[in-house]
Protein backbone atom coordinates (compact mmCIF):
# COMPACT_ATOMS: atom_id res chain seq x y z
CA UNK A 1 -55.96 102.07 64.97
CA UNK A 2 -58.73 104.15 63.88
CA UNK A 3 -62.21 104.32 65.40
CA UNK A 4 -63.70 102.80 62.00
CA UNK A 5 -61.54 99.94 61.71
CA UNK A 6 -62.96 96.52 63.04
CA UNK A 7 -61.43 94.83 66.08
CA UNK A 8 -59.27 92.10 65.22
CA UNK A 9 -57.98 89.24 67.31
CA UNK A 10 -54.59 88.75 65.68
CA UNK A 11 -53.95 85.17 67.45
CA UNK A 12 -57.34 84.10 65.85
CA UNK A 13 -56.32 85.54 62.70
CA UNK A 14 -53.10 83.83 62.52
CA UNK A 15 -54.32 80.50 63.59
CA UNK A 16 -56.76 80.87 60.69
CA UNK A 17 -54.21 81.60 58.11
CA UNK A 18 -51.39 79.31 59.42
CA UNK A 19 -52.75 76.22 57.54
CA UNK A 20 -53.26 78.07 54.35
CA UNK A 21 -49.90 79.37 54.30
CA UNK A 22 -48.11 76.32 55.65
CA UNK A 23 -49.66 74.35 52.72
CA UNK A 24 -48.03 76.59 49.99
CA UNK A 25 -44.67 77.01 51.09
CA UNK A 26 -41.65 74.82 51.49
CA UNK A 27 -41.12 74.75 55.56
CA UNK A 28 -42.32 75.64 58.92
CA UNK A 29 -39.95 78.60 59.27
CA UNK A 30 -41.09 80.06 55.60
CA UNK A 31 -44.70 79.72 56.80
CA UNK A 32 -44.10 81.84 60.01
CA UNK A 33 -42.17 84.39 57.67
CA UNK A 34 -44.98 84.60 55.36
CA UNK A 35 -47.65 84.63 58.22
CA UNK A 36 -45.66 87.63 60.03
CA UNK A 37 -45.77 89.29 56.58
CA UNK A 38 -49.45 88.86 55.95
CA UNK A 39 -50.15 90.26 59.77
CA UNK A 40 -48.14 92.99 59.03
CA UNK A 41 -49.80 93.81 55.75
CA UNK A 42 -53.20 93.48 57.46
CA UNK A 43 -52.33 95.91 60.05
CA UNK A 44 -51.32 98.57 57.59
CA UNK A 45 -54.37 97.97 55.34
CA UNK A 46 -57.20 97.37 58.02
CA UNK A 47 -57.81 101.29 58.68
CA UNK A 48 -58.52 101.49 54.73
CA UNK A 49 -60.65 98.47 54.43
CA UNK A 50 -63.93 99.77 52.73
CA UNK A 51 -66.12 96.55 53.24
CA UNK A 52 -65.88 95.44 56.87
CA UNK A 53 -67.97 92.33 56.00
CA UNK A 54 -65.69 91.02 53.54
CA UNK A 55 -62.78 90.82 56.15
CA UNK A 56 -62.26 87.03 55.66
CA UNK A 57 -61.94 87.24 51.77
CA UNK A 58 -59.51 90.27 52.27
CA UNK A 59 -57.44 88.29 54.46
CA UNK A 60 -57.02 85.31 52.31
CA UNK A 61 -56.39 87.70 49.13
CA UNK A 62 -53.42 89.17 51.36
CA UNK A 63 -52.15 85.79 52.47
CA UNK A 64 -52.41 84.55 48.68
CA UNK A 65 -50.23 87.71 47.78
CA UNK A 66 -47.79 87.28 50.41
CA UNK A 67 -47.45 83.56 49.44
CA UNK A 68 -46.78 84.55 45.60
CA UNK A 69 -44.39 87.29 46.77
CA UNK A 70 -42.42 84.59 48.65
CA UNK A 71 -42.54 82.21 45.79
CA UNK A 72 -41.13 85.00 43.68
CA UNK A 73 -38.32 85.71 45.83
CA UNK A 74 -37.52 82.22 46.25
CA UNK A 75 -37.25 81.76 42.52
CA UNK A 76 -34.87 84.62 42.30
CA UNK A 77 -32.74 83.19 44.87
CA UNK A 78 -33.15 79.56 44.85
CA UNK A 79 -31.99 76.88 47.20
CA UNK A 80 -28.89 75.07 46.38
CA UNK A 81 -30.76 71.58 46.15
CA UNK A 82 -33.77 70.94 43.90
CA UNK A 83 -34.36 67.20 44.56
CA UNK A 84 -38.01 65.87 43.89
CA UNK A 85 -39.82 65.39 47.09
CA UNK A 86 -39.84 61.95 48.55
CA UNK A 87 -42.90 59.65 47.58
CA UNK A 88 -45.37 59.91 50.20
CA UNK A 89 -47.14 56.47 51.23
CA UNK A 90 -50.33 56.83 53.31
CA UNK A 91 -51.29 53.88 55.35
CA UNK A 92 -54.85 52.84 55.37
CA UNK A 93 -54.98 53.46 59.30
CA UNK A 94 -56.13 56.09 61.15
CA UNK A 95 -54.61 59.53 60.16
CA UNK A 96 -52.20 61.38 62.50
CA UNK A 97 -51.42 64.72 62.33
CA UNK A 98 -47.99 64.44 60.91
CA UNK A 99 -49.22 62.04 58.02
CA UNK A 100 -51.73 64.63 57.10
CA UNK A 101 -49.50 67.53 57.31
CA UNK A 102 -47.04 65.87 54.79
CA UNK A 103 -49.64 65.08 52.55
CA UNK A 104 -50.97 68.42 52.62
CA UNK A 105 -47.55 69.77 52.09
CA UNK A 106 -47.17 67.66 48.71
CA UNK A 107 -50.77 68.37 47.47
CA UNK A 108 -50.15 72.07 48.30
CA UNK A 109 -47.93 72.13 45.06
CA UNK A 110 -50.61 70.63 42.79
CA UNK A 111 -53.42 72.74 44.38
CA UNK A 112 -51.20 76.12 43.86
CA UNK A 113 -51.21 75.11 40.18
CA UNK A 114 -54.84 75.01 39.97
CA UNK A 115 -56.76 77.90 38.00
CA UNK A 116 -57.96 80.56 40.56
CA UNK A 117 -61.56 80.02 41.41
CA UNK A 118 -60.91 76.00 41.86
CA UNK A 119 -57.52 76.63 43.89
CA UNK A 120 -59.42 78.78 46.37
CA UNK A 121 -62.36 76.30 46.60
CA UNK A 122 -60.20 73.31 47.05
CA UNK A 123 -57.87 75.05 49.54
CA UNK A 124 -60.82 76.25 51.87
CA UNK A 125 -62.46 72.89 51.76
CA UNK A 126 -59.86 70.22 51.58
CA UNK A 127 -56.79 71.68 52.98
CA UNK A 128 -58.24 73.95 55.47
CA UNK A 129 -61.29 71.61 56.43
CA UNK A 130 -64.18 74.09 56.15
CA UNK A 131 -67.37 72.93 54.92
CA UNK A 132 -68.44 73.73 51.54
CA UNK A 133 -71.22 75.92 53.18
CA UNK A 134 -68.77 77.85 55.06
CA UNK A 135 -66.44 78.34 52.11
CA UNK A 136 -69.35 79.73 50.26
CA UNK A 137 -70.14 82.13 52.75
CA UNK A 138 -66.67 83.29 52.95
CA UNK A 139 -66.39 83.93 49.24
CA UNK A 140 -69.81 85.09 48.87
CA UNK A 141 -71.06 82.35 46.63
CA UNK A 142 -74.43 80.03 46.44
CA UNK A 143 -73.60 76.57 48.06
CA UNK A 144 -74.51 74.95 44.69
CA UNK A 145 -71.80 77.40 43.12
CA UNK A 146 -69.01 76.33 45.71
CA UNK A 147 -69.98 72.64 45.38
CA UNK A 148 -69.36 72.90 41.57
CA UNK A 149 -66.03 74.74 41.95
CA UNK A 150 -64.77 71.93 44.44
CA UNK A 151 -66.02 69.29 42.39
CA UNK A 152 -64.21 70.60 39.23
CA UNK A 153 -61.24 71.44 41.27
CA UNK A 154 -60.81 68.07 42.63
CA UNK A 155 -61.16 66.44 39.11
CA UNK A 156 -58.39 68.86 37.69
CA UNK A 157 -56.31 67.89 40.70
CA UNK A 158 -56.68 64.48 40.32
CA UNK A 159 -55.77 64.47 36.47
CA UNK A 160 -52.54 66.79 37.42
CA UNK A 161 -51.66 64.15 40.10
CA UNK A 162 -52.27 61.02 37.58
CA UNK A 163 -50.27 62.85 35.06
CA UNK A 164 -47.26 63.03 37.58
CA UNK A 165 -47.54 60.29 39.87
CA UNK A 166 -48.63 56.59 40.12
CA UNK A 167 -51.41 56.58 42.63
CA UNK A 168 -52.62 53.64 44.74
CA UNK A 169 -56.16 53.51 46.11
CA UNK A 170 -58.16 51.24 48.38
CA UNK A 171 -61.37 49.86 48.05
CA UNK A 172 -63.01 53.21 49.12
CA UNK A 173 -60.93 55.17 46.72
CA UNK A 174 -58.62 56.69 49.13
CA UNK A 175 -55.16 57.28 48.28
CA UNK A 176 -52.78 54.70 49.88
CA UNK A 177 -49.53 55.43 48.00
CA UNK A 178 -48.12 57.91 45.80
CA UNK A 179 -45.10 57.67 43.52
CA UNK A 180 -43.43 59.98 41.28
CA UNK A 181 -43.54 58.51 37.76
CA UNK A 182 -40.07 57.83 36.40
CA UNK A 183 -41.13 56.77 32.82
CA UNK A 184 -41.75 58.79 30.05
CA UNK A 185 -41.97 62.84 29.83
CA UNK A 186 -43.24 64.35 33.03
CA UNK A 187 -45.96 67.15 32.40
CA UNK A 188 -44.82 70.82 33.16
CA UNK A 189 -45.27 71.91 36.91
CA UNK A 190 -44.99 68.31 38.12
CA UNK A 191 -43.34 68.09 41.40
CA UNK A 192 -40.66 65.99 39.78
CA UNK A 193 -39.24 68.78 37.44
């Protein structure tokens, strides 16, 4: 590594990017493959990084690009089965890691279909668990700008979900069940296509 390249803890980078990548690919094995590609691209590009203070945003751009490349490769060489995902029912009890991971996997399909500024905002705050303040700092936005993006992204995400799925919510507005609509015509990009 050159003298001007910043020191990087690759384990910390992998831990930070793993949920971002996992929410956007079909399986754990795919996530590990894409993550390795991201780390390799970062290693190759790190010496040429101009703005060292933008390392976080640069990392996520590389991860986003690697996920998109993976998706294009999967489209060229599709798997044998294209069955829709099973409906996810979320109990109104304390969430455990497996349920949260399953919900994030299904939501990842919808989040990936959001327009870019909203997709990035919702991913950072809702899928990765960052505060809106942290996400704003990471992307170089004002806190009010990030709040606006998150709010609009969530609204777009909800309308996409409602067009595709029948949602059940509890008294607090939390989703407790989600079933793919089987009646009528499904919108393009729906998980049941």
